Amino acid sequence: MKQKRLIMRSSILAVIAIALAYTFYSNFMADRSVAKVGAESVNFVLNDLKGERIELEGLKGKGVFLNFWGTYCPPCVKEMPVMEELYTEYKQKGVEIIAVNAAEPGLTVERFAERYGLTFPIAIDKGRNVIDAYGISPLPTTILIDEYGTIVRVHQGGMTEQMVRDFMEEIKPGT
């Protein structure tokens, strides 16, 4: 009798331990990113800080440097001036930057853009719908989309000037 009880208790504890391990893994370790190299980009529509409509589908034929960021994120702050510096050069070569802010207040984002003299389109993902659609975590994350709408690279973390240049070269149409 005691042996059956011991086996039963041990079995229950093993099941609970396995369930806890799976829960921990699925919540903290699993890659939940939807953005995968080779996949089609997810279309979205957002308005930029000027009220202009941005639709990803409307950018087919251009390389898209899709950057998810926040003003509170030190690597994001560091890479924004670099992106601005290269924006004019690569816009002429068919590359568009879209910076999607992670649901911060409009005034905060506008002041940030003014302080750094940012001229590329910046949109605020108020409901985090685009961030969720792409499974973005952590910030910054940059997704490179080629002229056909295919994801060619997903980069998590900050970027150096050389990385930004290399990434823009990678999605330049016709390359």
C-alpha atoms as a PDB file:
ATOM      1  CA  MET A   1       0.000   0.000   0.000  1.00  0.00           C
ATOM      2  CA  LYS A   2       2.752   2.440   0.973  1.00  0.00           C
ATOM      3  CA  GLN A   3       4.656   1.617  -2.183  1.00  0.00           C
ATOM      4  CA  LYS A   4       1.604   2.379  -4.400  1.00  0.00           C
ATOM      5  CA  ARG A   5       1.077   5.670  -2.627  1.00  0.00           C
ATOM      6  CA  LEU A   6       4.763   6.578  -3.118  1.00  0.00           C
ATOM      7  CA  ILE A   7       4.580   5.744  -6.836  1.00  0.00           C
ATOM      8  CA  MET A   8       1.378   7.770  -7.227  1.00  0.00           C
ATOM      9  CA  ARG A   9       2.808  10.818  -5.427  1.00  0.00           C
ATOM     10  CA  SER A  10       6.061  10.602  -7.408  1.00  0.00           C
ATOM     11  CA  SER A  11       4.115  10.391 -10.666  1.00  0.00           C
ATOM     12  CA  ILE A  12       2.022  13.436  -9.791  1.00  0.00           C
ATOM     13  CA  LEU A  13       5.135  15.419  -8.805  1.00  0.00           C
ATOM     14  CA  ALA A  14       6.837  14.429 -12.083  1.00  0.00           C
ATOM     15  CA  VAL A  15       3.840  15.614 -14.119  1.00  0.00           C
ATOM     16  CA  ILE A  16       3.771  18.922 -12.228  1.00  0.00           C
ATOM     17  CA  ALA A  17       7.532  19.390 -12.734  1.00  0.00           C
ATOM     18  CA  ILE A  18       7.212  18.732 -16.477  1.00  0.00           C
ATOM     19  CA  ALA A  19       4.286  21.155 -16.743  1.00  0.00           C
ATOM     20  CA  LEU A  20       6.245  23.857 -14.896  1.00  0.00           C
ATOM     21  CA  ALA A  21       9.314  23.312 -17.081  1.00  0.00           C
ATOM     22  CA  TYR A  22       7.214  23.563 -20.252  1.00  0.00           C
ATOM     23  CA  THR A  23       5.473  26.722 -19.008  1.00  0.00           C
ATOM     24  CA  PHE A  24       8.803  28.337 -18.159  1.00  0.00           C
ATOM     25  CA  TYR A  25      10.274  27.402 -21.546  1.00  0.00           C
ATOM     26  CA  SER A  26       7.288  28.578 -23.585  1.00  0.00           C
ATOM     27  CA  ASN A  27       7.029  31.908 -21.744  1.00  0.00           C
ATOM     28  CA  PHE A  28      10.681  32.868 -21.454  1.00  0.00           C
ATOM     29  CA  MET A  29      12.829  30.883 -23.838  1.00  0.00           C
ATOM     30  CA  ALA A  30      10.866  30.074 -26.987  1.00  0.00           C
ATOM     31  CA  ASP A  31      11.331  32.267 -30.060  1.00  0.00           C
ATOM     32  CA  ARG A  32       7.900  33.804 -30.587  1.00  0.00           C
ATOM     33  CA  SER A  33       9.040  36.042 -33.423  1.00  0.00           C
ATOM     34  CA  VAL A  34       6.799  35.881 -36.451  1.00  0.00           C
ATOM     35  CA  ALA A  35       9.396  37.668 -38.575  1.00  0.00           C
ATOM     36  CA  LYS A  36      11.468  34.926 -40.197  1.00  0.00           C
ATOM     37  CA  VAL A  37      13.992  35.197 -43.009  1.00  0.00           C
ATOM     38  CA  GLY A  38      12.379  34.066 -46.250  1.00  0.00           C
ATOM     39  CA  ALA A  39       8.828  34.796 -45.081  1.00  0.00           C
ATOM     40  CA  GLU A  40       6.555  37.386 -46.631  1.00  0.00           C
ATOM     41  CA  SER A  41       6.350  40.617 -44.662  1.00  0.00           C
ATOM     42  CA  VAL A  42       3.118  41.322 -42.804  1.00  0.00           C
ATOM     43  CA  ASN A  43       1.269  44.293 -44.287  1.00  0.00           C
ATOM     44  CA  PHE A  44       0.267  47.114 -41.962  1.00  0.00           C
ATOM     45  CA  VAL A  45      -1.111  50.627 -42.123  1.00  0.00           C
ATOM     46  CA  LEU A  46       0.019  53.330 -39.684  1.00  0.00           C
ATOM     47  CA  ASN A  47       0.119  57.116 -39.784  1.00  0.00           C
ATOM     48  CA  ASP A  48       3.438  58.886 -39.401  1.00  0.00           C
ATOM     49  CA  LEU A  49       4.020  61.892 -37.153  1.00  0.00           C
ATOM     50  CA  LYS A  50       2.874  64.223 -39.961  1.00  0.00           C
ATOM     51  CA  GLY A  51      -0.407  62.326 -40.345  1.00  0.00           C
ATOM     52  CA  GLU A  52       0.667  60.700 -43.626  1.00  0.00           C
ATOM     53  CA  ARG A  53      -0.539  57.144 -44.218  1.00  0.00           C
ATOM     54  CA  ILE A  54       2.146  54.455 -44.373  1.00  0.00           C
ATOM     55  CA  GLU A  55       1.168  51.098 -45.857  1.00  0.00           C
ATOM     56  CA  LEU A  56       3.895  48.508 -46.213  1.00  0.00           C
ATOM     57  CA  GLU A  57       2.300  47.052 -49.364  1.00  0.00           C
ATOM     58  CA  GLY A  58       2.644  50.472 -50.993  1.00  0.00           C
ATOM     59  CA  LEU A  59       6.432  50.233 -50.688  1.00  0.00           C
ATOM     60  CA  LYS A  60       6.838  47.185 -52.942  1.00  0.00           C
ATOM     61  CA  GLY A  61       9.633  47.836 -55.394  1.00  0.00           C
ATOM     62  CA  LYS A  62      11.707  49.472 -52.639  1.00  0.00           C
ATOM     63  CA  GLY A  63      13.900  47.988 -49.968  1.00  0.00           C
ATOM     64  CA  VAL A  64      12.370  48.618 -46.546  1.00  0.00           C
ATOM     65  CA  PHE A  65      14.444  49.128 -43.412  1.00  0.00           C
ATOM     66  CA  LEU A  66      11.752  48.499 -40.771  1.00  0.00           C
ATOM     67  CA  ASN A  67      13.035  49.558 -37.352  1.00  0.00           C
ATOM     68  CA  PHE A  68      11.096  48.975 -34.098  1.00  0.00           C
ATOM     69  CA  TRP A  69      12.267  51.287 -31.320  1.00  0.00           C
ATOM     70  CA  GLY A  70      11.546  53.384 -28.220  1.00  0.00           C
ATOM     71  CA  THR A  71      12.890  56.690 -26.888  1.00  0.00           C
ATOM     72  CA  TYR A  72      13.708  54.948 -23.578  1.00  0.00           C
ATOM     73  CA  CYS A  73      15.977  52.411 -25.296  1.00  0.00           C
ATOM     74  CA  PRO A  74      19.688  53.473 -25.270  1.00  0.00           C
ATOM     75  CA  PRO A  75      20.707  51.429 -28.359  1.00  0.00           C
ATOM     76  CA  CYS A  76      17.684  52.891 -30.218  1.00  0.00           C
ATOM     77  CA  VAL A  77      18.745  56.435 -29.339  1.00  0.00           C
ATOM     78  CA  LYS A  78      22.295  55.713 -30.492  1.00  0.00           C
ATOM     79  CA  GLU A  79      21.325  54.293 -33.901  1.00  0.00           C
ATOM     80  CA  MET A  80      18.714  56.915 -34.894  1.00  0.00           C
ATOM     81  CA  PRO A  81      21.242  59.633 -35.909  1.00  0.00           C
ATOM     82  CA  VAL A  82      23.120  57.017 -37.964  1.00  0.00           C
ATOM     83  CA  MET A  83      19.917  56.028 -39.733  1.00  0.00           C
ATOM     84  CA  GLU A  84      19.178  59.702 -40.428  1.00  0.00           C
ATOM     85  CA  GLU A  85      22.677  60.277 -41.792  1.00  0.00           C
ATOM     86  CA  LEU A  86      22.281  57.450 -44.325  1.00  0.00           C
ATOM     87  CA  TYR A  87      18.588  58.069 -45.109  1.00  0.00           C
ATOM     88  CA  THR A  88      19.054  60.722 -47.801  1.00  0.00           C
ATOM     89  CA  GLU A  89      21.721  58.710 -49.604  1.00  0.00           C
ATOM     90  CA  TYR A  90      19.793  55.436 -49.612  1.00  0.00           C
ATOM     91  CA  LYS A  91      16.360  56.937 -50.260  1.00  0.00           C
ATOM     92  CA  GLN A  92      17.759  57.970 -53.654  1.00  0.00           C
ATOM     93  CA  LYS A  93      18.834  54.347 -54.163  1.00  0.00           C
ATOM     94  CA  GLY A  94      15.341  52.958 -53.480  1.00  0.00           C
ATOM     95  CA  VAL A  95      15.568  52.170 -49.754  1.00  0.00           C
ATOM     96  CA  GLU A  96      12.910  53.489 -47.357  1.00  0.00           C
ATOM     97  CA  ILE A  97      13.245  53.655 -43.579  1.00  0.00           C
ATOM     98  CA  ILE A  98      10.119  53.152 -41.507  1.00  0.00           C
ATOM     99  CA  ALA A  99      10.667  53.630 -37.770  1.00  0.00           C
ATOM    100  CA  VAL A 100       7.851  52.116 -35.711  1.00  0.00           C
ATOM    101  CA  ASN A 101       7.739  53.416 -32.156  1.00  0.00           C
ATOM    102  CA  ALA A 102       6.526  51.107 -29.388  1.00  0.00           C
ATOM    103  CA  ALA A 103       3.337  52.859 -28.244  1.00  0.00           C
ATOM    104  CA  GLU A 104       4.830  55.954 -26.588  1.00  0.00           C
ATOM    105  CA  PRO A 105       2.936  59.251 -26.291  1.00  0.00           C
ATOM    106  CA  GLY A 106       2.954  61.318 -29.477  1.00  0.00           C
ATOM    107  CA  LEU A 107       4.524  64.367 -27.841  1.00  0.00           C
ATOM    108  CA  THR A 108       7.439  62.288 -26.526  1.00  0.00           C
ATOM    109  CA  VAL A 109       8.149  60.839 -29.981  1.00  0.00           C
ATOM    110  CA  GLU A 110       7.737  64.218 -31.730  1.00  0.00           C
ATOM    111  CA  ARG A 111      10.188  65.908 -29.356  1.00  0.00           C
ATOM    112  CA  PHE A 112      12.666  63.079 -29.830  1.00  0.00           C
ATOM    113  CA  ALA A 113      12.414  63.363 -33.639  1.00  0.00           C
ATOM    114  CA  GLU A 114      12.900  67.142 -33.455  1.00  0.00           C
ATOM    115  CA  ARG A 115      15.868  66.876 -31.087  1.00  0.00           C
ATOM    116  CA  TYR A 116      17.683  64.514 -33.473  1.00  0.00           C
ATOM    117  CA  GLY A 117      16.459  66.149 -36.703  1.00  0.00           C
ATOM    118  CA  LEU A 118      14.891  62.929 -37.977  1.00  0.00           C
ATOM    119  CA  THR A 119      13.291  63.219 -41.414  1.00  0.00           C
ATOM    120  CA  PHE A 120      12.447  59.594 -42.211  1.00  0.00           C
ATOM    121  CA  PRO A 121       8.882  58.378 -41.572  1.00  0.00           C
ATOM    122  CA  ILE A 122       8.177  57.632 -37.908  1.00  0.00           C
ATOM    123  CA  ALA A 123       4.930  55.985 -36.876  1.00  0.00           C
ATOM    124  CA  ILE A 124       3.639  55.183 -33.406  1.00  0.00           C
ATOM    125  CA  ASP A 125       2.175  51.709 -32.987  1.00  0.00           C
ATOM    126  CA  LYS A 126      -0.371  52.833 -30.363  1.00  0.00           C
ATOM    127  CA  GLY A 127      -2.062  49.476 -29.918  1.00  0.00           C
ATOM    128  CA  ARG A 128       1.170  47.515 -30.482  1.00  0.00           C
ATOM    129  CA  ASN A 129      -0.632  45.685 -33.293  1.00  0.00           C
ATOM    130  CA  VAL A 130       2.313  45.798 -35.700  1.00  0.00           C
ATOM    131  CA  ILE A 131       4.773  44.863 -32.961  1.00  0.00           C
ATOM    132  CA  ASP A 132       2.554  41.898 -32.064  1.00  0.00           C
ATOM    133  CA  ALA A 133       2.036  40.934 -35.722  1.00  0.00           C
ATOM    134  CA  TYR A 134       5.811  40.678 -36.166  1.00  0.00           C
ATOM    135  CA  GLY A 135       6.415  39.184 -32.692  1.00  0.00           C
ATOM    136  CA  ILE A 136       8.933  41.903 -31.837  1.00  0.00           C
ATOM    137  CA  SER A 137      10.972  41.549 -28.663  1.00  0.00           C
ATOM    138  CA  PRO A 138      13.350  43.105 -27.625  1.00  0.00           C
ATOM    139  CA  LEU A 139      13.857  46.682 -28.801  1.00  0.00           C
ATOM    140  CA  PRO A 140      15.472  47.661 -31.031  1.00  0.00           C
ATOM    141  CA  THR A 141      14.686  45.114 -33.705  1.00  0.00           C
ATOM    142  CA  THR A 142      15.222  45.838 -37.382  1.00  0.00           C
ATOM    143  CA  ILE A 143      13.631  43.855 -40.184  1.00  0.00           C
ATOM    144  CA  LEU A 144      15.048  44.138 -43.692  1.00  0.00           C
ATOM    145  CA  ILE A 145      12.500  43.631 -46.450  1.00  0.00           C
ATOM    146  CA  ASP A 146      13.510  43.340 -50.099  1.00  0.00           C
ATOM    147  CA  GLU A 147      11.788  44.957 -53.070  1.00  0.00           C
ATOM    148  CA  TYR A 148       9.451  41.939 -53.410  1.00  0.00           C
ATOM    149  CA  GLY A 149       8.178  42.107 -49.813  1.00  0.00           C
ATOM    150  CA  THR A 150      10.278  39.202 -48.521  1.00  0.00           C
ATOM    151  CA  ILE A 151      12.067  39.378 -45.174  1.00  0.00           C
ATOM    152  CA  VAL A 152      15.803  38.994 -45.821  1.00  0.00           C
ATOM    153  CA  ARG A 153      17.158  39.702 -42.336  1.00  0.00           C
ATOM    154  CA  VAL A 154      15.957  40.159 -38.746  1.00  0.00           C
ATOM    155  CA  HIS A 155      18.406  41.907 -36.446  1.00  0.00           C
ATOM    156  CA  GLN A 156      17.793  42.249 -32.708  1.00  0.00           C
ATOM    157  CA  GLY A 157      19.824  44.818 -30.802  1.00  0.00           C
ATOM    158  CA  GLY A 158      21.680  47.998 -31.613  1.00  0.00           C
ATOM    159  CA  MET A 159      23.523  48.680 -34.845  1.00  0.00           C
ATOM    160  CA  THR A 160      26.778  50.403 -35.701  1.00  0.00           C
ATOM    161  CA  GLU A 161      27.071  52.813 -38.616  1.00  0.00           C
ATOM    162  CA  GLN A 162      28.730  50.096 -40.703  1.00  0.00           C
ATOM    163  CA  MET A 163      25.917  47.646 -39.936  1.00  0.00           C
ATOM    164  CA  VAL A 164      23.250  50.178 -40.973  1.00  0.00           C
ATOM    165  CA  ARG A 165      25.130  50.849 -44.226  1.00  0.00           C
ATOM    166  CA  ASP A 166      25.605  47.122 -44.923  1.00  0.00           C
ATOM    167  CA  PHE A 167      21.931  46.421 -44.193  1.00  0.00           C
ATOM    168  CA  MET A 168      20.796  49.192 -46.545  1.00  0.00           C
ATOM    169  CA  GLU A 169      23.099  47.865 -49.259  1.00  0.00           C
ATOM    170  CA  GLU A 170      21.590  44.415 -48.707  1.00  0.00           C
ATOM    171  CA  ILE A 171      18.030  45.617 -49.483  1.00  0.00           C
ATOM    172  CA  LYS A 172      18.872  48.132 -52.191  1.00  0.00           C
ATOM    173  CA  PRO A 173      16.668  47.199 -55.193  1.00  0.00           C
ATOM    174  CA  GLY A 174      18.479  45.456 -58.011  1.00  0.00           C
ATOM    175  CA  THR A 175      21.203  43.951 -55.825  1.00  0.00           C
END
